[in-house]
Structure formats: structure tokens, C-alpha cells
Amino acid sequence: MKTIAIYPGSFDPITNGHVDLVHRACKLFDKVIIAIAQNANKDSFLSIDQRVKAVETAIEPLTNTRVLSFDSLLVDFAREHNAQIIIRGLRAVSDFDYEFQLSGMNKRLNPAIETLFMTPSEEFANISSSLVREILFLGGDISQFVPESVKTILLHSSAK
């Protein structure tokens, strides 16, 4: 049986920290699904189609990945795709409390799902999508925080 992991998030936008985790997860699992959440309660900078395209271009060289969007419970999405693992990134201790609660709730909803917490490589530990958006909005250079293909999408989107 293939081990399938899901790496969920809003990825608005995907950052070098996210890409780092995807690369590392691809070494651990047969298949990694990057699951982009369509959250109707959250205003997104990029549309769902733009986020899917940005993620696809950022991880293009990887062959054991798939990029999908979802608007359901994560555990239901995982079940639909035969995934056994949910990957969650932790940048700081402050992320842990929320992620721990989420992990427990997912486990109650689907006991067959395991959550794996991964920390980013040190050089990516302080990068967040919200900080990248803020730097972009204030006219700063985001080159060191996102892949070049994502930077192009962001600059095009912010020009509108």
C-alpha cells in the first residue's frame, strides 16, 4: 500500500518555507497531496485558481505530488484520497497549541488519520504568507521569501 500524505493550507501565497516542507515530505511518503483550502469565511489575496497555479509552479520538479483544492472537512478529503497522514508545519511554539487542538479534533473525526508535525529548515522559520503579503503591499522585495514563479504571480495580482 502506498503511503499518501496531505499537506493542507491556504497557501496565500505558498512560501519557500512551504516548498521546503513539501520537498522533505516527498522523501518520506510515496505521494504528497498539497490540499489548498477554499475557506469562504476568509478573504484571500489570491483566488483559488491562482493559488493552485502558484503551488503547481513552485513544486513543478517534484513527481510524487498533486495539487488539489477542497472545501470540505480535511478528514473527509483525506478519506476520499486514501491519505493516512496529515502534515502540519510548525514555525514556532506559538503554532503548537492550535495545531495540537486541530490534530486532536481530526483524530476524533477519523481515528485512522495521523498528524505529523514538521518544522521548517532554519532559514525559513520566520516566513509566513501574511508577512509576505504585507511586504508586497508595502512595496518591499519578496524575492527571498517565495519562488520566482510565485513572485511573478503575486506581482501580477497586486498590480490589478
Foldseek 3Di string as FASTA:
>chain_A
DFAEEEEEDQCLPPKPQNLQVVVVVVVVGQAYEHEHEDDPVDDGLDDPVLRQVQVCVQNVVDDRYHYYYDHDPPLVVCVVVVHQEYEDEDLDPVVPVVVVVVQVVSCVVPVSHHYDYDYGDPVQSPADSVVLVVCVVVPHDCPNIHPPVSVVSVVVSVVD
